[in-house]
Amino acid sequence: MVAALLATLLAASPASGVQARLDALAASGEPLFVHVVVALADNENQGLIPVPEALGNGQDPEHNLYWGARYGVGYYLTHDAGWTSLKVNGPLPDHVLRRLVLRKELERHGKHVKAYLVADAYDGAAMHDAIDDFLHFASGRQSVVVKVGDITLAAGGDAPVVAFVGHDGLMDMRVPGVDAIPDAPSRGAIVLACASAAYFKPMLKRAGAEPLLLTTGFMAPEAYTLAAELDATIAGETPATARESAATAYDKFQKCGLRGARRLFTGSD
């Protein structure tokens, strides 16, 4: 049923393929999924500009700049962005130090929808694994099954939207790309890392993922940008409108000027 709805919507609308897929899921009453890969900031193992020691310990998620700090994914989404944390069952994958499963209800085209977000905090020394997993998810491969009580969620490569947050590890190392799966459902990708358009866009094109939000220069990959982009995307906004929401949030916290924030973000165009 979902596949038939998706095919109809894709044929009828010139809009984003990711939005068409989300429309099909919402129309069938299915929840909307997002999977976020967070590479913990690590002064010792990454080429990022060093941050204070407490924030740059890649093996300490609770205090890490990109996870447990004030604007980290693990803290900000649950304290400021309206996402509710759920109890997760089962062991964690290799190199993943923490996993959050979050739920949020939003309005999409006038109807309430349920969204689930899986966020994984990767050991800062495992940047290669974090990027490799993200690219596999973006290609539609490597399904991740998450148990939340009696509910089974399909994330990873089954998620319509995947994101990477952290230092741009492709500046420091080579990671093999992943080929697209022919005729796979549309996937959207977000990469909040410095100059991610230059480094990740070719990899996402090869993986067959639609770039929703990439960056053109140096930036702070903090969670308020991710939250704004996801809210707009799940609400059914166009990629351009969602990017405007992300730029507005970035300017609000970084005080860089909206024009500068707009230049910082790009997508498939």
Protein backbone atom coordinates (compact mmCIF):
# COMPACT_ATOMS: atom_id res chain seq x y z
CA MET A 1 0.00 0.00 0.00
CA VAL A 2 2.78 2.43 0.93
CA ALA A 3 4.67 1.57 -2.26
CA ALA A 4 1.59 2.22 -4.40
CA LEU A 5 0.93 5.56 -2.71
CA LEU A 6 4.55 6.55 -3.15
CA ALA A 7 4.51 5.69 -6.85
CA THR A 8 1.34 7.74 -7.37
CA LEU A 9 2.72 10.75 -5.55
CA LEU A 10 6.04 10.62 -7.36
CA ALA A 11 4.29 10.50 -10.71
CA ALA A 12 1.92 13.34 -9.85
CA SER A 13 4.30 15.81 -8.20
CA PRO A 14 7.49 17.47 -9.41
CA ALA A 15 8.44 18.15 -5.77
CA SER A 16 11.26 16.60 -3.80
CA GLY A 17 11.30 12.81 -3.97
CA VAL A 18 11.95 12.75 -0.25
CA GLN A 19 8.81 14.79 0.40
CA ALA A 20 6.81 12.46 -1.82
CA ARG A 21 8.04 9.50 0.20
CA LEU A 22 7.16 11.26 3.46
CA ASP A 23 3.72 12.07 2.02
CA ALA A 24 3.16 8.40 1.28
CA LEU A 25 4.20 7.34 4.76
CA ALA A 26 2.01 9.98 6.39
CA ALA A 27 -0.98 9.07 4.19
CA SER A 28 -0.68 5.44 5.28
CA GLY A 29 -0.45 6.37 8.96
CA GLU A 30 3.17 5.25 9.20
CA PRO A 31 5.60 7.23 11.39
CA LEU A 32 8.32 9.33 9.77
CA PHE A 33 11.89 8.31 10.58
CA VAL A 34 15.16 10.19 10.88
CA HIS A 35 18.54 8.66 11.71
CA VAL A 36 21.30 10.97 12.95
CA VAL A 37 24.97 9.95 13.11
CA VAL A 38 26.90 12.12 15.56
CA ALA A 39 30.70 11.88 15.45
CA LEU A 40 31.75 13.03 18.93
CA ALA A 41 34.28 15.88 18.92
CA ASP A 42 37.73 14.48 19.65
CA ASN A 43 40.81 16.69 20.07
CA GLU A 44 43.15 13.70 19.98
CA ASN A 45 41.79 11.79 17.01
CA GLN A 46 40.30 14.40 14.67
CA GLY A 47 41.65 17.33 12.71
CA LEU A 48 39.19 19.82 14.17
CA ILE A 49 40.30 23.10 15.74
CA PRO A 50 40.88 22.06 19.39
CA VAL A 51 38.04 22.76 21.79
CA PRO A 52 38.20 22.82 25.63
CA GLU A 53 39.31 19.46 26.99
CA ALA A 54 35.99 18.64 28.62
CA LEU A 55 34.15 19.23 25.34
CA GLY A 56 36.68 17.47 23.13
CA ASN A 57 36.90 14.06 24.79
CA GLY A 58 35.53 11.77 22.11
CA GLN A 59 34.90 8.98 24.60
CA ASP A 60 32.74 11.06 26.97
CA PRO A 61 29.33 11.68 25.32
CA GLU A 62 27.76 13.35 28.37
CA HIS A 63 30.10 16.36 28.18
CA ASN A 64 30.93 16.29 24.48
CA LEU A 65 30.49 19.41 22.34
CA TYR A 66 28.31 17.60 19.81
CA TRP A 67 26.24 15.47 22.21
CA GLY A 68 25.87 16.37 25.88
CA ALA A 69 26.86 20.05 25.79
CA ARG A 70 24.24 22.81 25.78
CA TYR A 71 23.77 22.75 21.99
CA GLY A 72 24.72 19.14 21.40
CA VAL A 73 22.29 16.76 19.74
CA GLY A 74 21.71 14.68 22.86
CA TYR A 75 20.90 17.67 25.05
CA TYR A 76 19.30 20.26 22.79
CA LEU A 77 16.75 18.04 21.05
CA THR A 78 15.36 16.74 24.34
CA HIS A 79 15.50 20.01 26.31
CA ASP A 80 14.72 22.71 23.75
CA ALA A 81 13.38 21.22 20.53
CA GLY A 82 10.32 19.33 21.78
CA TRP A 83 11.54 15.77 21.23
CA THR A 84 10.64 13.19 23.88
CA SER A 85 13.18 10.53 24.82
CA LEU A 86 12.05 6.88 24.80
CA LYS A 87 13.61 3.90 26.53
CA VAL A 88 15.74 1.86 24.13
CA ASN A 89 16.08 -1.92 24.35
CA GLY A 90 19.02 -4.00 23.20
CA PRO A 91 22.82 -3.64 22.86
CA LEU A 92 24.56 -0.81 21.03
CA PRO A 93 26.44 -1.32 17.76
CA ASP A 94 30.23 -1.25 17.72
CA HIS A 95 31.68 2.26 18.13
CA VAL A 96 28.34 3.71 19.25
CA LEU A 97 28.65 4.94 22.84
CA ARG A 98 25.11 6.26 23.29
CA ARG A 99 21.82 5.90 21.44
CA LEU A 100 18.74 8.06 21.80
CA VAL A 101 15.34 7.28 20.35
CA LEU A 102 13.13 10.36 20.29
CA ARG A 103 9.52 10.99 19.35
CA LYS A 104 7.73 14.15 18.32
CA GLU A 105 4.30 14.97 16.94
CA LEU A 106 4.17 17.64 14.27
CA GLU A 107 1.65 19.01 11.83
CA ARG A 108 2.15 18.08 8.19
CA HIS A 109 -0.18 19.62 5.62
CA GLY A 110 -2.80 20.17 8.33
CA LYS A 111 -2.60 16.66 9.80
CA HIS A 112 -0.77 15.42 12.88
CA VAL A 113 2.05 12.98 12.20
CA LYS A 114 4.40 11.06 14.48
CA ALA A 115 8.11 11.34 13.87
CA TYR A 116 10.82 9.15 15.37
CA LEU A 117 14.49 10.06 15.50
CA VAL A 118 17.36 7.70 16.23
CA ALA A 119 20.56 9.51 17.22
CA ASP A 120 23.80 7.60 17.67
CA ALA A 121 26.88 9.06 19.40
CA TYR A 122 29.96 7.52 17.76
CA ASP A 123 33.27 7.25 19.58
CA GLY A 124 35.34 10.22 18.39
CA ALA A 125 38.16 7.85 17.48
CA ALA A 126 35.83 6.01 15.07
CA MET A 127 35.28 8.79 12.55
CA HIS A 128 35.83 6.42 9.63
CA ASP A 129 33.09 4.11 10.90
CA ALA A 130 30.70 7.01 11.52
CA ILE A 131 31.07 8.36 7.98
CA ASP A 132 30.97 4.89 6.43
CA ASP A 133 27.75 4.02 8.28
CA PHE A 134 26.21 7.36 7.32
CA LEU A 135 26.98 6.80 3.63
CA HIS A 136 25.52 3.30 3.79
CA PHE A 137 22.36 4.71 5.38
CA ALA A 138 22.22 7.38 2.67
CA SER A 139 22.39 4.68 0.00
CA GLY A 140 19.45 2.81 1.53
CA ARG A 141 21.66 0.03 2.85
CA GLN A 142 22.35 -1.22 6.36
CA SER A 143 18.91 -1.24 7.93
CA VAL A 144 18.93 -0.64 11.68
CA VAL A 145 16.23 -2.26 13.81
CA VAL A 146 15.57 -0.47 17.09
CA LYS A 147 13.35 -1.84 19.86
CA VAL A 148 11.37 0.65 21.94
CA GLY A 149 9.16 -1.24 24.35
CA ASP A 150 6.86 -3.36 22.17
CA ILE A 151 7.51 -1.17 19.11
CA THR A 152 10.03 -2.09 16.42
CA LEU A 153 11.44 0.82 14.43
CA ALA A 154 13.27 0.53 11.12
CA ALA A 155 16.02 3.15 10.92
CA GLY A 156 19.44 3.29 9.27
CA GLY A 157 19.08 2.67 5.55
CA ASP A 158 15.30 2.41 5.91
CA ALA A 159 14.99 6.00 7.19
CA PRO A 160 13.73 8.56 4.64
CA VAL A 161 16.05 11.19 6.16
CA VAL A 162 19.57 10.64 7.50
CA ALA A 163 21.98 13.15 8.97
CA PHE A 164 25.63 13.45 9.93
CA VAL A 165 26.76 15.91 12.62
CA GLY A 166 30.34 16.65 13.62
CA HIS A 167 33.78 17.39 12.25
CA ASP A 168 34.17 16.89 8.49
CA GLY A 169 36.29 13.78 8.67
CA LEU A 170 36.58 13.62 4.87
CA MET A 171 39.05 16.51 5.19
CA ASP A 172 41.41 14.14 7.01
CA MET A 173 40.83 10.70 5.51
CA ARG A 174 39.51 8.77 2.57
CA VAL A 175 36.33 6.77 3.05
CA PRO A 176 35.12 4.44 0.28
CA GLY A 177 31.91 5.61 -1.33
CA VAL A 178 28.75 3.55 -1.58
CA ASP A 179 26.80 2.97 -4.80
CA ALA A 180 23.12 3.74 -5.05
CA ILE A 181 20.62 0.89 -5.00
CA PRO A 182 18.63 0.91 -8.26
CA ASP A 183 14.97 1.86 -7.75
CA ALA A 184 15.41 2.34 -4.00
CA PRO A 185 13.00 4.72 -2.23
CA SER A 186 14.09 8.35 -2.08
CA ARG A 187 16.35 9.36 0.79
CA GLY A 188 17.29 12.83 1.99
CA ALA A 189 20.65 13.64 3.57
CA ILE A 190 21.78 16.39 5.94
CA VAL A 191 25.47 16.98 6.71
CA LEU A 192 26.26 19.55 9.41
CA ALA A 193 30.04 19.74 9.18
CA CYS A 194 32.47 22.31 7.80
CA ALA A 195 32.37 22.68 4.00
CA SER A 196 30.31 19.50 3.68
CA ALA A 197 29.07 20.36 0.18
CA ALA A 198 32.59 20.11 -1.24
CA TYR A 199 33.39 16.82 0.49
CA PHE A 200 30.09 14.97 0.90
CA LYS A 201 27.99 16.04 -2.08
CA PRO A 202 29.77 13.77 -4.61
CA MET A 203 29.47 10.87 -2.17
CA LEU A 204 25.76 11.50 -1.66
CA LYS A 205 25.19 11.71 -5.41
CA ARG A 206 26.88 8.35 -5.82
CA ALA A 207 24.73 6.94 -2.99
CA GLY A 208 21.58 8.20 -4.68
CA ALA A 209 20.59 10.47 -1.78
CA GLU A 210 19.06 13.92 -2.16
CA PRO A 211 21.19 16.57 -0.36
CA LEU A 212 18.75 18.51 1.81
CA LEU A 213 21.20 20.60 3.82
CA LEU A 214 24.95 20.91 3.24
CA THR A 215 27.42 23.66 4.10
CA THR A 216 29.72 25.82 1.99
CA GLY A 217 32.23 26.89 4.67
CA PHE A 218 33.28 26.66 8.27
CA MET A 219 30.43 26.34 10.75
CA ALA A 220 29.39 25.20 14.21
CA PRO A 221 27.47 21.91 13.76
CA GLU A 222 25.14 22.50 16.68
CA ALA A 223 21.71 21.00 17.11
CA TYR A 224 19.51 24.08 16.74
CA THR A 225 20.23 24.03 12.99
CA LEU A 226 19.39 20.34 12.76
CA ALA A 227 16.19 20.86 14.78
CA ALA A 228 14.96 23.67 12.53
CA GLU A 229 15.73 21.74 9.35
CA LEU A 230 14.00 18.60 10.58
CA ASP A 231 10.89 20.41 11.83
CA ALA A 232 10.45 22.10 8.45
CA THR A 233 11.16 18.93 6.47
CA ILE A 234 8.78 16.79 8.52
CA ALA A 235 6.13 19.54 8.26
CA GLY A 236 6.26 19.13 4.47
CA GLU A 237 8.16 22.29 3.55
CA THR A 238 10.15 22.39 0.33
CA PRO A 239 13.92 21.84 0.65
CA ALA A 240 14.51 25.54 -0.05
CA THR A 241 12.08 26.63 2.68
CA ALA A 242 13.57 24.14 5.13
CA ARG A 243 17.04 25.55 4.40
CA GLU A 244 15.72 29.02 5.13
CA SER A 245 14.53 27.76 8.52
CA ALA A 246 17.96 26.29 9.18
CA ALA A 247 19.68 29.54 8.18
CA THR A 248 17.36 31.57 10.40
CA ALA A 249 18.13 29.33 13.38
CA TYR A 250 21.86 29.49 12.70
CA ASP A 251 21.80 33.28 12.56
CA LYS A 252 19.75 33.46 15.77
CA PHE A 253 22.39 31.59 17.75
CA GLN A 254 25.56 32.56 15.89
CA LYS A 255 24.68 36.23 15.23
CA CYS A 256 26.33 35.98 11.82
CA GLY A 257 23.67 37.85 9.84
CA LEU A 258 20.91 36.12 7.92
CA ARG A 259 22.53 36.83 4.57
CA GLY A 260 25.72 35.12 5.69
CA ALA A 261 23.78 32.19 7.13
CA ARG A 262 21.92 31.76 3.86
CA ARG A 263 25.22 31.62 1.95
CA LEU A 264 26.46 28.97 4.36
CA PHE A 265 23.80 26.42 3.47
CA THR A 266 23.04 24.69 0.21
CA GLY A 267 21.22 21.59 -0.99
CA SER A 268 20.80 19.73 -4.26
CA ASP A 269 20.99 22.96 -6.29
